[in-house]
Structures are given as C-alpha cells and as structure tokens.
Amino acid sequence: MNISFALTKNEFLAGIKTETRRDWKDRTLKTWQNAWDAGRRTHQATDKLLHRGGKIIGRFELTARPEREPLNTMTAENLKAEGGMCSTLTEYFALINQPPEKAMTVVRFKKL
C-alpha cells in the first residue's frame, strides 16, 4: 500500500512529516486498519498517485493504528508533525479546504 506526499514531498524526505490527515472513504480506512491489525506496518511513499505517473520516494512505518479524528482536536504538535508548512491551525484548515469539525483519517508514521 502507498500514500502520496505530492504536497509535502520535501517534508517527508526530510523526515519532519510524521502525520498526515486524509479524507478517506470508510473502505480505505478499513483497509489500512486491517493492515495495522495484521502487523503490516511498512508502506511506500510516492510523489504523486502511482496511476498518475507517481514514483516511489521512500518507505514509512506506521506508528499508530489509523483512526478518524476531528480536525479541531489538532494541537500545535500535530501541526508540526504535519510537516510545519502552516503556522496556524486556521491556515492548515484553509490549505486542505476542510472545516475544523471535519473528521479526517490520521496516519502517524516514521520515515524509514
């Protein structure tokens, strides 16, 4: 399985991005949770979606089971773990074009 880091490729490669939030369908979330539950923790990072010509840029290991969390529960530490590309939560919500109350899948990982 893989995740595209198209917007945060440099942050991923530098190892400063250790969380990502995704607006995944229930089926996708369940697939990632099943992988975690089965002990499959290592996955591929790409620079864009593979079916759109993406290339593998590295690997990462999940550090927690992917779960949904409302954006408005994010802390300053979560914002930093997202790569530090935004200085405030308001700026981050605008960047991803989602309201603060939206529940997103959170994937926590470390770059390998």
C-alpha atoms as a PDB file:
ATOM      1  CA  MET A   1       0.000   0.000   0.000  1.00  0.00           C
ATOM      2  CA  ASN A   2       1.136   3.551  -0.501  1.00  0.00           C
ATOM      3  CA  ILE A   3       0.402   7.177   0.303  1.00  0.00           C
ATOM      4  CA  SER A   4       1.126  10.095  -1.979  1.00  0.00           C
ATOM      5  CA  PHE A   5       3.026  13.014  -0.485  1.00  0.00           C
ATOM      6  CA  ALA A   6       2.600  15.283  -3.508  1.00  0.00           C
ATOM      7  CA  LEU A   7       2.181  18.485  -1.465  1.00  0.00           C
ATOM      8  CA  THR A   8       4.698  17.568   1.227  1.00  0.00           C
ATOM      9  CA  LYS A   9       7.373  15.588  -0.595  1.00  0.00           C
ATOM     10  CA  ASN A  10      10.253  17.663   0.820  1.00  0.00           C
ATOM     11  CA  GLU A  11       8.893  17.474   4.367  1.00  0.00           C
ATOM     12  CA  PHE A  12       8.508  13.693   4.060  1.00  0.00           C
ATOM     13  CA  LEU A  13      12.012  13.246   2.634  1.00  0.00           C
ATOM     14  CA  ALA A  14      13.482  15.421   5.416  1.00  0.00           C
ATOM     15  CA  GLY A  15      11.739  13.209   7.983  1.00  0.00           C
ATOM     16  CA  ILE A  16       9.896  16.134   9.591  1.00  0.00           C
ATOM     17  CA  LYS A  17       6.453  14.988   8.450  1.00  0.00           C
ATOM     18  CA  THR A  18       5.263  12.219  10.750  1.00  0.00           C
ATOM     19  CA  GLU A  19       1.478  12.611  10.425  1.00  0.00           C
ATOM     20  CA  THR A  20      -0.906  13.004   7.543  1.00  0.00           C
ATOM     21  CA  ARG A  21      -4.624  13.600   7.506  1.00  0.00           C
ATOM     22  CA  ARG A  22      -6.714  12.136   4.709  1.00  0.00           C
ATOM     23  CA  ASP A  23     -10.374  12.367   3.735  1.00  0.00           C
ATOM     24  CA  TRP A  24     -10.622   8.626   3.100  1.00  0.00           C
ATOM     25  CA  LYS A  25     -13.729   6.612   2.483  1.00  0.00           C
ATOM     26  CA  ASP A  26     -14.669   4.019   5.112  1.00  0.00           C
ATOM     27  CA  ARG A  27     -13.370   1.237   2.844  1.00  0.00           C
ATOM     28  CA  THR A  28      -9.904   2.796   2.566  1.00  0.00           C
ATOM     29  CA  LEU A  29      -9.689   3.430   6.307  1.00  0.00           C
ATOM     30  CA  LYS A  30     -10.704  -0.193   6.979  1.00  0.00           C
ATOM     31  CA  THR A  31      -8.015  -1.462   4.569  1.00  0.00           C
ATOM     32  CA  TRP A  32      -5.326   0.485   6.456  1.00  0.00           C
ATOM     33  CA  GLN A  33      -6.697  -0.605   9.830  1.00  0.00           C
ATOM     34  CA  ASN A  34      -6.700  -4.241   8.668  1.00  0.00           C
ATOM     35  CA  ALA A  35      -3.067  -3.872   7.578  1.00  0.00           C
ATOM     36  CA  TRP A  36      -2.181  -2.483  11.032  1.00  0.00           C
ATOM     37  CA  ASP A  37      -4.116  -5.261  12.793  1.00  0.00           C
ATOM     38  CA  ALA A  38      -2.316  -7.901  10.689  1.00  0.00           C
ATOM     39  CA  GLY A  39       1.087  -6.407  11.558  1.00  0.00           C
ATOM     40  CA  ARG A  40       1.713  -4.911   8.099  1.00  0.00           C
ATOM     41  CA  ARG A  41       3.204  -1.590   9.162  1.00  0.00           C
ATOM     42  CA  THR A  42       5.673  -0.722   6.375  1.00  0.00           C
ATOM     43  CA  HIS A  43       4.347   1.007   3.246  1.00  0.00           C
ATOM     44  CA  GLN A  44       5.513   3.038   0.262  1.00  0.00           C
ATOM     45  CA  ALA A  45       5.584   6.818  -0.071  1.00  0.00           C
ATOM     46  CA  THR A  46       5.089   8.275  -3.538  1.00  0.00           C
ATOM     47  CA  ASP A  47       5.489  11.744  -5.031  1.00  0.00           C
ATOM     48  CA  LYS A  48       2.021  11.510  -6.581  1.00  0.00           C
ATOM     49  CA  LEU A  49      -0.539   8.802  -7.189  1.00  0.00           C
ATOM     50  CA  LEU A  50       1.035   5.831  -8.977  1.00  0.00           C
ATOM     51  CA  HIS A  51      -1.731   5.626 -11.579  1.00  0.00           C
ATOM     52  CA  ARG A  52      -0.917   9.257 -12.453  1.00  0.00           C
ATOM     53  CA  GLY A  53       2.757   8.576 -13.059  1.00  0.00           C
ATOM     54  CA  GLY A  54       3.943   8.799  -9.460  1.00  0.00           C
ATOM     55  CA  LYS A  55       7.294   7.449  -8.339  1.00  0.00           C
ATOM     56  CA  ILE A  56       8.220   5.766  -5.074  1.00  0.00           C
ATOM     57  CA  ILE A  57      10.214   8.235  -2.957  1.00  0.00           C
ATOM     58  CA  GLY A  58      10.661   6.143   0.173  1.00  0.00           C
ATOM     59  CA  ARG A  59       9.094   3.925   2.759  1.00  0.00           C
ATOM     60  CA  PHE A  60       7.458   4.589   6.086  1.00  0.00           C
ATOM     61  CA  GLU A  61       6.342   2.597   9.097  1.00  0.00           C
ATOM     62  CA  LEU A  62       3.026   3.198  10.826  1.00  0.00           C
ATOM     63  CA  THR A  63       3.459   4.160  14.480  1.00  0.00           C
ATOM     64  CA  ALA A  64      -0.246   4.018  15.375  1.00  0.00           C
ATOM     65  CA  ARG A  65      -3.415   2.452  14.026  1.00  0.00           C
ATOM     66  CA  PRO A  66      -5.047   4.866  11.544  1.00  0.00           C
ATOM     67  CA  GLU A  67      -8.170   6.402  13.069  1.00  0.00           C
ATOM     68  CA  ARG A  68     -10.548   9.257  12.360  1.00  0.00           C
ATOM     69  CA  GLU A  69     -10.173  12.412  14.433  1.00  0.00           C
ATOM     70  CA  PRO A  70     -11.894  15.791  14.124  1.00  0.00           C
ATOM     71  CA  LEU A  71      -9.563  18.453  12.792  1.00  0.00           C
ATOM     72  CA  ASN A  72     -10.461  20.751  15.691  1.00  0.00           C
ATOM     73  CA  THR A  73      -8.708  18.365  18.106  1.00  0.00           C
ATOM     74  CA  MET A  74      -5.336  19.070  16.476  1.00  0.00           C
ATOM     75  CA  THR A  75      -2.622  20.600  18.641  1.00  0.00           C
ATOM     76  CA  ALA A  76       0.411  22.711  17.771  1.00  0.00           C
ATOM     77  CA  GLU A  77       2.446  19.479  17.943  1.00  0.00           C
ATOM     78  CA  ASN A  78       0.146  17.824  15.394  1.00  0.00           C
ATOM     79  CA  LEU A  79       0.576  20.841  13.121  1.00  0.00           C
ATOM     80  CA  LYS A  80       4.355  20.494  13.366  1.00  0.00           C
ATOM     81  CA  ALA A  81       4.096  16.733  12.705  1.00  0.00           C
ATOM     82  CA  GLU A  82       2.126  17.554   9.542  1.00  0.00           C
ATOM     83  CA  GLY A  83       5.375  18.997   8.220  1.00  0.00           C
ATOM     84  CA  GLY A  84       5.301  22.531   9.552  1.00  0.00           C
ATOM     85  CA  MET A  85       4.088  24.044   6.280  1.00  0.00           C
ATOM     86  CA  CYS A  86       1.437  26.079   8.130  1.00  0.00           C
ATOM     87  CA  SER A  87       1.951  28.296  11.179  1.00  0.00           C
ATOM     88  CA  THR A  88      -1.620  28.112  12.475  1.00  0.00           C
ATOM     89  CA  LEU A  89      -4.457  25.626  12.506  1.00  0.00           C
ATOM     90  CA  THR A  90      -6.662  28.112  10.648  1.00  0.00           C
ATOM     91  CA  GLU A  91      -4.057  28.277   7.894  1.00  0.00           C
ATOM     92  CA  TYR A  92      -3.906  24.465   7.787  1.00  0.00           C
ATOM     93  CA  PHE A  93      -7.708  24.116   7.547  1.00  0.00           C
ATOM     94  CA  ALA A  94      -7.671  26.582   4.639  1.00  0.00           C
ATOM     95  CA  LEU A  95      -4.818  24.707   2.925  1.00  0.00           C
ATOM     96  CA  ILE A  96      -6.692  21.398   2.978  1.00  0.00           C
ATOM     97  CA  ASN A  97     -10.025  23.151   2.330  1.00  0.00           C
ATOM     98  CA  GLN A  98     -11.849  21.449   5.200  1.00  0.00           C
ATOM     99  CA  PRO A  99     -13.860  22.828   8.138  1.00  0.00           C
ATOM    100  CA  PRO A 100     -12.437  22.372  11.669  1.00  0.00           C
ATOM    101  CA  GLU A 101     -15.223  19.977  12.685  1.00  0.00           C
ATOM    102  CA  LYS A 102     -14.478  17.556   9.803  1.00  0.00           C
ATOM    103  CA  ALA A 103     -13.299  14.119  10.967  1.00  0.00           C
ATOM    104  CA  MET A 104     -10.289  13.000   8.947  1.00  0.00           C
ATOM    105  CA  THR A 105      -8.251   9.817   8.956  1.00  0.00           C
ATOM    106  CA  VAL A 106      -4.968  10.398  10.779  1.00  0.00           C
ATOM    107  CA  VAL A 107      -1.973   8.331   9.721  1.00  0.00           C
ATOM    108  CA  ARG A 108       1.014   8.513  12.084  1.00  0.00           C
ATOM    109  CA  PHE A 109       4.326   7.175  10.839  1.00  0.00           C
ATOM    110  CA  LYS A 110       8.097   7.418  10.747  1.00  0.00           C
ATOM    111  CA  LYS A 111      10.179   7.612   7.594  1.00  0.00           C
ATOM    112  CA  LEU A 112      12.444   4.626   7.006  1.00  0.00           C
END
